[in-house]
Protein backbone atom coordinates (compact mmCIF):
# COMPACT_ATOMS: atom_id res chain seq x y z
CA UNK A 1 0.00 0.00 0.00
CA UNK A 2 2.81 2.42 0.92
CA UNK A 3 4.67 1.56 -2.26
CA UNK A 4 1.57 2.33 -4.34
CA UNK A 5 1.03 5.67 -2.53
CA UNK A 6 4.64 6.70 -3.15
CA UNK A 7 4.28 5.81 -6.85
CA UNK A 8 1.11 7.93 -7.14
CA UNK A 9 2.71 10.90 -5.36
CA UNK A 10 5.85 10.70 -7.54
CA UNK A 11 3.69 10.52 -10.69
CA UNK A 12 1.66 13.54 -9.60
CA UNK A 13 4.84 15.51 -8.84
CA UNK A 14 6.31 14.65 -12.26
CA UNK A 15 3.10 15.74 -14.00
CA UNK A 16 3.06 19.05 -12.12
CA UNK A 17 6.74 19.75 -12.78
CA UNK A 18 6.46 18.97 -16.46
CA UNK A 19 3.79 21.67 -16.82
CA UNK A 20 6.18 24.23 -15.32
CA UNK A 21 8.76 23.83 -18.07
CA UNK A 22 6.38 24.80 -20.89
CA UNK A 23 6.27 28.57 -21.23
CA UNK A 24 3.96 30.07 -23.78
CA UNK A 25 5.21 33.45 -25.01
CA UNK A 26 2.85 35.44 -27.12
CA UNK A 27 3.86 37.58 -30.05
CA UNK A 28 3.22 41.20 -29.09
CA UNK A 29 2.36 43.53 -31.93
CA UNK A 30 1.69 47.20 -31.17
CA UNK A 31 1.26 50.35 -33.20
CA UNK A 32 0.63 51.21 -36.84
CA UNK A 33 1.69 48.92 -39.65
CA UNK A 34 3.31 51.14 -42.30
CA UNK A 35 4.71 49.64 -45.49
CA UNK A 36 6.71 51.15 -48.34
CA UNK A 37 3.70 51.36 -50.66
CA UNK A 38 1.97 53.66 -48.16
CA UNK A 39 5.04 55.90 -47.87
CA UNK A 40 5.36 56.10 -51.67
CA UNK A 41 1.82 57.44 -51.89
CA UNK A 42 2.62 60.42 -49.68
CA UNK A 43 3.07 63.56 -51.75
CA UNK A 44 4.02 67.11 -50.77
CA UNK A 45 1.09 69.38 -50.21
CA UNK A 46 -1.33 66.63 -49.21
CA UNK A 47 -3.89 67.74 -46.65
CA UNK A 48 -4.21 66.04 -43.26
CA UNK A 49 -7.39 64.31 -44.41
CA UNK A 50 -5.63 62.86 -47.45
CA UNK A 51 -2.74 61.65 -45.29
CA UNK A 52 -5.28 60.04 -42.93
CA UNK A 53 -6.79 58.24 -45.91
CA UNK A 54 -3.42 56.83 -46.97
CA UNK A 55 -1.79 56.16 -43.59
CA UNK A 56 -4.67 55.74 -41.18
CA UNK A 57 -4.95 57.29 -37.74
CA UNK A 58 -1.57 58.12 -36.18
CA UNK A 59 -0.59 56.33 -33.00
CA UNK A 60 0.51 59.57 -31.36
CA UNK A 61 -0.75 63.10 -31.82
CA UNK A 62 0.98 65.61 -29.59
CA UNK A 63 -1.35 68.33 -28.26
CA UNK A 64 1.60 70.74 -28.11
CA UNK A 65 2.71 70.00 -31.70
CA UNK A 66 -0.48 69.60 -33.69
CA UNK A 67 1.47 69.64 -36.96
CA UNK A 68 3.35 66.43 -36.09
CA UNK A 69 1.96 62.91 -36.41
CA UNK A 70 3.83 59.82 -35.21
CA UNK A 71 3.30 56.31 -36.55
CA UNK A 72 5.14 53.70 -34.48
CA UNK A 73 5.27 49.92 -34.74
CA UNK A 74 6.75 47.30 -32.42
CA UNK A 75 6.84 43.50 -32.76
CA UNK A 76 8.14 41.21 -30.04
CA UNK A 77 8.53 37.42 -30.30
CA UNK A 78 9.70 35.26 -27.40
CA UNK A 79 10.33 38.40 -25.30
CA UNK A 80 12.80 39.74 -27.91
CA UNK A 81 12.21 42.76 -30.13
CA UNK A 82 12.05 41.52 -33.72
CA UNK A 83 10.96 44.67 -35.51
CA UNK A 84 10.39 48.30 -34.64
CA UNK A 85 10.11 51.47 -36.64
CA UNK A 86 8.89 55.04 -36.46
CA UNK A 87 7.53 57.38 -39.12
CA UNK A 88 6.92 61.02 -38.20
CA UNK A 89 4.99 63.32 -40.53
CA UNK A 90 5.22 67.11 -40.27
CA UNK A 91 2.68 69.56 -41.64
CA UNK A 92 3.20 73.26 -42.39
CA UNK A 93 1.05 76.17 -41.19
CA UNK A 94 -1.49 75.58 -43.97
CA UNK A 95 -2.00 72.00 -42.77
CA UNK A 96 -0.28 70.33 -45.73
CA UNK A 97 2.42 67.67 -45.61
CA UNK A 98 5.91 69.18 -45.65
CA UNK A 99 8.39 66.64 -44.20
CA UNK A 100 8.77 62.94 -43.34
CA UNK A 101 11.19 61.44 -40.81
CA UNK A 102 11.54 57.69 -40.65
CA UNK A 103 13.48 55.22 -38.58
CA UNK A 104 12.72 51.91 -40.24
CA UNK A 105 13.53 48.63 -38.45
CA UNK A 106 16.17 50.08 -36.20
CA UNK A 107 18.11 51.88 -38.92
CA UNK A 108 19.37 55.41 -38.42
CA UNK A 109 17.01 58.33 -38.96
CA UNK A 110 16.33 59.27 -42.53
CA UNK A 111 14.78 62.65 -43.13
CA UNK A 112 12.99 63.39 -46.37
CA UNK A 113 11.96 66.96 -47.07
CA UNK A 114 9.09 67.44 -49.40
CA UNK A 115 9.38 70.68 -51.39
CA UNK A 116 6.24 72.79 -51.61
CA UNK A 117 6.80 73.41 -55.31
CA UNK A 118 5.57 69.99 -56.43
CA UNK A 119 1.90 69.86 -57.48
CA UNK A 120 -0.69 68.18 -55.30
CA UNK A 121 -1.80 64.92 -56.89
CA UNK A 122 -5.48 64.62 -57.68
CA UNK A 123 -5.68 61.28 -55.87
CA UNK A 124 -2.91 59.62 -53.84
CA UNK A 125 -4.32 56.18 -54.60
CA UNK A 126 -7.39 54.72 -56.19
CA UNK A 127 -10.05 54.09 -53.53
CA UNK A 128 -11.90 50.78 -53.45
CA UNK A 129 -15.10 50.51 -55.47
CA UNK A 130 -17.90 52.46 -53.82
CA UNK A 131 -15.57 54.42 -51.51
CA UNK A 132 -14.95 58.14 -51.78
CA UNK A 133 -11.77 59.92 -50.84
CA UNK A 134 -12.11 62.80 -48.39
CA UNK A 135 -11.38 66.23 -49.86
CA UNK A 136 -10.34 69.33 -47.93
């Protein structure tokens, strides 16, 4: 009887300890997904509404700098950062896009100035069927 009780207790302990070694780590994805095709659609002189249509809602809007929008993305797998990037859009006093700063996947900052002399495109991208693009 004692031998059987010891066997059951040892089996229960082994089952409990084996569950402790399995650690499930979730992939953590936060922020705005921004790809190159979205950045290529940005043109100088685009209004804030047109930029919203192309890029979506920014992750951060600073109440002290209303002419700056930040798009950030962060991906973590197994508690290690796999991918992170930041895109910051700046608007001039008229509310049109004037400059882009990007730090893509941990690379150094790249600043792209958009000259105001280029014409505003009529449509940054073709909207899906039945959708209308917001106009200023």
